[in-house]
Amino acid sequence: MIPSFGIRRGFAKKFSYEFSAGFGLEYNIFSKSNGCNCEHLKNYADIQAKIGYNF
């Protein structure tokens, strides 16, 4: 799960645009190493931009 913040705005009559961003940690349980060298724990960023049409 990544907590994120987004904003959606409409323009024209039927179109909208949306921007969102989030930051979190990625934990991989299938690490290739047996020791704990923190190779399985990584930072993860999610950025999205969307354009939509409302029917």
PDB file of N, CA and C in Angstrom:
ATOM      1  N   MET A   1       0.838  -1.171   0.000  1.00  0.00           N
ATOM      2  CA  MET A   1       0.000   0.000   0.000  1.00  0.00           C
ATOM      3  C   MET A   1       0.881   1.230   0.000  1.00  0.00           C
ATOM      4  N   ILE A   2       0.460   2.209  -0.763  1.00  0.00           N
ATOM      5  CA  ILE A   2       1.187   3.482  -0.838  1.00  0.00           C
ATOM      6  C   ILE A   2       0.204   4.608  -0.540  1.00  0.00           C
ATOM      7  N   PRO A   3       0.420   5.365   0.525  1.00  0.00           N
ATOM      8  CA  PRO A   3      -0.445   6.525   0.752  1.00  0.00           C
ATOM      9  C   PRO A   3      -0.179   7.563  -0.339  1.00  0.00           C
ATOM     10  N   SER A   4      -1.250   8.123  -0.882  1.00  0.00           N
ATOM     11  CA  SER A   4      -1.088   9.077  -1.972  1.00  0.00           C
ATOM     12  C   SER A   4      -2.078  10.224  -1.827  1.00  0.00           C
ATOM     13  N   PHE A   5      -1.787  11.306  -2.518  1.00  0.00           N
ATOM     14  CA  PHE A   5      -2.627  12.486  -2.532  1.00  0.00           C
ATOM     15  C   PHE A   5      -2.903  12.837  -3.983  1.00  0.00           C
ATOM     16  N   GLY A   6      -4.142  13.131  -4.307  1.00  0.00           N
ATOM     17  CA  GLY A   6      -4.488  13.433  -5.686  1.00  0.00           C
ATOM     18  C   GLY A   6      -5.482  14.570  -5.782  1.00  0.00           C
ATOM     19  N   ILE A   7      -5.564  15.149  -6.968  1.00  0.00           N
ATOM     20  CA  ILE A   7      -6.493  16.235  -7.234  1.00  0.00           C
ATOM     21  C   ILE A   7      -7.115  16.003  -8.603  1.00  0.00           C
ATOM     22  N   ARG A   8      -8.434  16.189  -8.691  1.00  0.00           N
ATOM     23  CA  ARG A   8      -9.156  16.011  -9.958  1.00  0.00           C
ATOM     24  C   ARG A   8      -9.952  17.281 -10.241  1.00  0.00           C
ATOM     25  N   ARG A   9      -9.846  17.766 -11.458  1.00  0.00           N
ATOM     26  CA  ARG A   9     -10.551  18.972 -11.883  1.00  0.00           C
ATOM     27  C   ARG A   9     -11.225  18.716 -13.219  1.00  0.00           C
ATOM     28  N   GLY A  10     -12.349  19.356 -13.415  1.00  0.00           N
ATOM     29  CA  GLY A  10     -13.067  19.222 -14.671  1.00  0.00           C
ATOM     30  C   GLY A  10     -12.845  20.445 -15.552  1.00  0.00           C
ATOM     31  N   PHE A  11     -12.801  20.206 -16.848  1.00  0.00           N
ATOM     32  CA  PHE A  11     -12.758  21.299 -17.809  1.00  0.00           C
ATOM     33  C   PHE A  11     -13.661  20.938 -18.980  1.00  0.00           C
ATOM     34  N   ALA A  12     -14.136  21.934 -19.676  1.00  0.00           N
ATOM     35  CA  ALA A  12     -15.163  21.758 -20.699  1.00  0.00           C
ATOM     36  C   ALA A  12     -16.394  21.144 -20.024  1.00  0.00           C
ATOM     37  N   LYS A  13     -17.239  20.457 -20.757  1.00  0.00           N
ATOM     38  CA  LYS A  13     -18.429  19.864 -20.121  1.00  0.00           C
ATOM     39  C   LYS A  13     -18.200  18.433 -19.693  1.00  0.00           C
ATOM     40  N   LYS A  14     -17.410  17.674 -20.427  1.00  0.00           N
ATOM     41  CA  LYS A  14     -17.307  16.237 -20.180  1.00  0.00           C
ATOM     42  C   LYS A  14     -15.883  15.745 -19.931  1.00  0.00           C
ATOM     43  N   PHE A  15     -14.908  16.611 -19.879  1.00  0.00           N
ATOM     44  CA  PHE A  15     -13.524  16.190 -19.699  1.00  0.00           C
ATOM     45  C   PHE A  15     -13.034  16.529 -18.300  1.00  0.00           C
ATOM     46  N   SER A  16     -12.077  15.743 -17.820  1.00  0.00           N
ATOM     47  CA  SER A  16     -11.453  16.012 -16.529  1.00  0.00           C
ATOM     48  C   SER A  16      -9.980  15.602 -16.589  1.00  0.00           C
ATOM     49  N   TYR A  17      -9.198  16.149 -15.698  1.00  0.00           N
ATOM     50  CA  TYR A  17      -7.802  15.742 -15.565  1.00  0.00           C
ATOM     51  C   TYR A  17      -7.513  15.490 -14.097  1.00  0.00           C
ATOM     52  N   GLU A  18      -6.535  14.630 -13.851  1.00  0.00           N
ATOM     53  CA  GLU A  18      -6.219  14.212 -12.491  1.00  0.00           C
ATOM     54  C   GLU A  18      -4.712  14.036 -12.342  1.00  0.00           C
ATOM     55  N   PHE A  19      -4.178  14.518 -11.235  1.00  0.00           N
ATOM     56  CA  PHE A  19      -2.778  14.326 -10.871  1.00  0.00           C
ATOM     57  C   PHE A  19      -2.734  13.703  -9.486  1.00  0.00           C
ATOM     58  N   SER A  20      -1.858  12.725  -9.297  1.00  0.00           N
ATOM     59  CA  SER A  20      -1.697  12.126  -7.973  1.00  0.00           C
ATOM     60  C   SER A  20      -0.243  11.706  -7.770  1.00  0.00           C
ATOM     61  N   ALA A  21       0.154  11.690  -6.509  1.00  0.00           N
ATOM     62  CA  ALA A  21       1.519  11.300  -6.155  1.00  0.00           C
ATOM     63  C   ALA A  21       1.501  10.640  -4.782  1.00  0.00           C
ATOM     64  N   GLY A  22       2.396   9.692  -4.601  1.00  0.00           N
ATOM     65  CA  GLY A  22       2.510   8.999  -3.330  1.00  0.00           C
ATOM     66  C   GLY A  22       3.915   8.479  -3.122  1.00  0.00           C
ATOM     67  N   PHE A  23       4.253   8.208  -1.882  1.00  0.00           N
ATOM     68  CA  PHE A  23       5.573   7.711  -1.526  1.00  0.00           C
ATOM     69  C   PHE A  23       5.421   6.655  -0.446  1.00  0.00           C
ATOM     70  N   GLY A  24       6.143   5.542  -0.600  1.00  0.00           N
ATOM     71  CA  GLY A  24       6.046   4.476   0.382  1.00  0.00           C
ATOM     72  C   GLY A  24       7.258   3.566   0.335  1.00  0.00           C
ATOM     73  N   LEU A  25       7.171   2.462   1.047  1.00  0.00           N
ATOM     74  CA  LEU A  25       8.240   1.471   1.089  1.00  0.00           C
ATOM     75  C   LEU A  25       7.785   0.191   0.407  1.00  0.00           C
ATOM     76  N   GLU A  26       8.677  -0.408  -0.338  1.00  0.00           N
ATOM     77  CA  GLU A  26       8.407  -1.684  -0.989  1.00  0.00           C
ATOM     78  C   GLU A  26       9.201  -2.756  -0.253  1.00  0.00           C
ATOM     79  N   TYR A  27       8.529  -3.825   0.157  1.00  0.00           N
ATOM     80  CA  TYR A  27       9.180  -4.916   0.859  1.00  0.00           C
ATOM     81  C   TYR A  27       9.063  -6.174   0.018  1.00  0.00           C
ATOM     82  N   ASN A  28      10.183  -6.737  -0.379  1.00  0.00           N
ATOM     83  CA  ASN A  28      10.215  -7.929  -1.217  1.00  0.00           C
ATOM     84  C   ASN A  28      10.568  -9.130  -0.340  1.00  0.00           C
ATOM     85  N   ILE A  29       9.618 -10.064  -0.179  1.00  0.00           N
ATOM     86  CA  ILE A  29       9.877 -11.235   0.665  1.00  0.00           C
ATOM     87  C   ILE A  29      10.687 -12.285  -0.079  1.00  0.00           C
ATOM     88  N   PHE A  30      10.817 -12.154  -1.388  1.00  0.00           N
ATOM     89  CA  PHE A  30      11.573 -13.107  -2.183  1.00  0.00           C
ATOM     90  C   PHE A  30      12.951 -12.554  -2.513  1.00  0.00           C
ATOM     91  N   SER A  31      13.701 -12.158  -1.493  1.00  0.00           N
ATOM     92  CA  SER A  31      15.043 -11.617  -1.674  1.00  0.00           C
ATOM     93  C   SER A  31      16.007 -12.736  -2.058  1.00  0.00           C
ATOM     94  N   LYS A  32      16.979 -12.423  -2.909  1.00  0.00           N
ATOM     95  CA  LYS A  32      17.931 -13.436  -3.365  1.00  0.00           C
ATOM     96  C   LYS A  32      19.015 -13.737  -2.340  1.00  0.00           C
ATOM     97  N   SER A  33      19.222 -12.838  -1.384  1.00  0.00           N
ATOM     98  CA  SER A  33      20.253 -13.078  -0.375  1.00  0.00           C
ATOM     99  C   SER A  33      19.615 -13.597   0.915  1.00  0.00           C
ATOM    100  N   ASN A  34      20.370 -14.369   1.676  1.00  0.00           N
ATOM    101  CA  ASN A  34      19.849 -14.939   2.918  1.00  0.00           C
ATOM    102  C   ASN A  34      20.042 -14.011   4.107  1.00  0.00           C
ATOM    103  N   GLY A  35      21.037 -13.148   4.061  1.00  0.00           N
ATOM    104  CA  GLY A  35      21.286 -12.223   5.159  1.00  0.00           C
ATOM    105  C   GLY A  35      20.420 -10.985   5.050  1.00  0.00           C
ATOM    106  N   CYS A  36      20.489 -10.148   6.063  1.00  0.00           N
ATOM    107  CA  CYS A  36      19.723  -8.903   6.048  1.00  0.00           C
ATOM    108  C   CYS A  36      20.630  -7.752   5.632  1.00  0.00           C
ATOM    109  N   ASN A  37      20.756  -7.529   4.351  1.00  0.00           N
ATOM    110  CA  ASN A  37      21.526  -6.387   3.878  1.00  0.00           C
ATOM    111  C   ASN A  37      20.596  -5.311   3.325  1.00  0.00           C
ATOM    112  N   CYS A  38      19.323  -5.386   3.680  1.00  0.00           N
ATOM    113  CA  CYS A  38      18.281  -4.434   3.285  1.00  0.00           C
ATOM    114  C   CYS A  38      18.124  -4.325   1.777  1.00  0.00           C
ATOM    115  N   GLU A  39      18.439  -5.376   1.059  1.00  0.00           N
ATOM    116  CA  GLU A  39      18.219  -5.405  -0.380  1.00  0.00           C
ATOM    117  C   GLU A  39      16.731  -5.597  -0.677  1.00  0.00           C
ATOM    118  N   HIS A  40      16.002  -6.149   0.267  1.00  0.00           N
ATOM    119  CA  HIS A  40      14.590  -6.424   0.077  1.00  0.00           C
ATOM    120  C   HIS A  40      13.693  -5.250   0.465  1.00  0.00           C
ATOM    121  N   LEU A  41      14.244  -4.189   1.052  1.00  0.00           N
ATOM    122  CA  LEU A  41      13.471  -3.028   1.477  1.00  0.00           C
ATOM    123  C   LEU A  41      13.902  -1.819   0.649  1.00  0.00           C
ATOM    124  N   LYS A  42      12.979  -1.283  -0.151  1.00  0.00           N
ATOM    125  CA  LYS A  42      13.313  -0.182  -1.057  1.00  0.00           C
ATOM    126  C   LYS A  42      12.265   0.920  -0.965  1.00  0.00           C
ATOM    127  N   ASN A  43      12.659   2.140  -1.308  1.00  0.00           N
ATOM    128  CA  ASN A  43      11.723   3.252  -1.418  1.00  0.00           C
ATOM    129  C   ASN A  43      10.967   3.139  -2.730  1.00  0.00           C
ATOM    130  N   TYR A  44       9.732   3.598  -2.739  1.00  0.00           N
ATOM    131  CA  TYR A  44       8.900   3.477  -3.920  1.00  0.00           C
ATOM    132  C   TYR A  44       8.088   4.758  -4.071  1.00  0.00           C
ATOM    133  N   ALA A  45       8.112   5.341  -5.254  1.00  0.00           N
ATOM    134  CA  ALA A  45       7.331   6.543  -5.545  1.00  0.00           C
ATOM    135  C   ALA A  45       6.338   6.243  -6.653  1.00  0.00           C
ATOM    136  N   ASP A  46       5.158   6.817  -6.533  1.00  0.00           N
ATOM    137  CA  ASP A  46       4.095   6.620  -7.524  1.00  0.00           C
ATOM    138  C   ASP A  46       3.593   7.992  -7.964  1.00  0.00           C
ATOM    139  N   ILE A  47       3.715   8.292  -9.257  1.00  0.00           N
ATOM    140  CA  ILE A  47       3.253   9.562  -9.819  1.00  0.00           C
ATOM    141  C   ILE A  47       2.357   9.244 -11.013  1.00  0.00           C
ATOM    142  N   GLN A  48       1.179   9.866 -11.057  1.00  0.00           N
ATOM    143  CA  GLN A  48       0.231   9.597 -12.131  1.00  0.00           C
ATOM    144  C   GLN A  48      -0.365  10.897 -12.652  1.00  0.00           C
ATOM    145  N   ALA A  49      -0.626  10.937 -13.957  1.00  0.00           N
ATOM    146  CA  ALA A  49      -1.361  12.035 -14.599  1.00  0.00           C
ATOM    147  C   ALA A  49      -2.361  11.385 -15.555  1.00  0.00           C
ATOM    148  N   LYS A  50      -3.629  11.785 -15.448  1.00  0.00           N
ATOM    149  CA  LYS A  50      -4.684  11.155 -16.236  1.00  0.00           C
ATOM    150  C   LYS A  50      -5.590  12.214 -16.846  1.00  0.00           C
ATOM    151  N   ILE A  51      -6.132  11.889 -18.017  1.00  0.00           N
ATOM    152  CA  ILE A  51      -7.165  12.699 -18.661  1.00  0.00           C
ATOM    153  C   ILE A  51      -8.354  11.780 -18.893  1.00  0.00           C
ATOM    154  N   GLY A  52      -9.556  12.247 -18.538  1.00  0.00           N
ATOM    155  CA  GLY A  52     -10.719  11.389 -18.665  1.00  0.00           C
ATOM    156  C   GLY A  52     -11.878  12.065 -19.370  1.00  0.00           C
ATOM    157  N   TYR A  53     -12.789  11.223 -19.850  1.00  0.00           N
ATOM    158  CA  TYR A  53     -14.019  11.676 -20.491  1.00  0.00           C
ATOM    159  C   TYR A  53     -15.192  11.093 -19.718  1.00  0.00           C
ATOM    160  N   ASN A  54     -16.130  11.942 -19.307  1.00  0.00           N
ATOM    161  CA  ASN A  54     -17.306  11.496 -18.573  1.00  0.00           C
ATOM    162  C   ASN A  54     -18.462  11.261 -19.530  1.00  0.00           C
ATOM    163  N   PHE A  55     -18.993  10.054 -19.534  1.00  0.00           N
ATOM    164  CA  PHE A  55     -20.103   9.714 -20.427  1.00  0.00           C
ATOM    165  C   PHE A  55     -21.415  10.252 -19.904  1.00  0.00           C
TER     166      PHE A  55
END
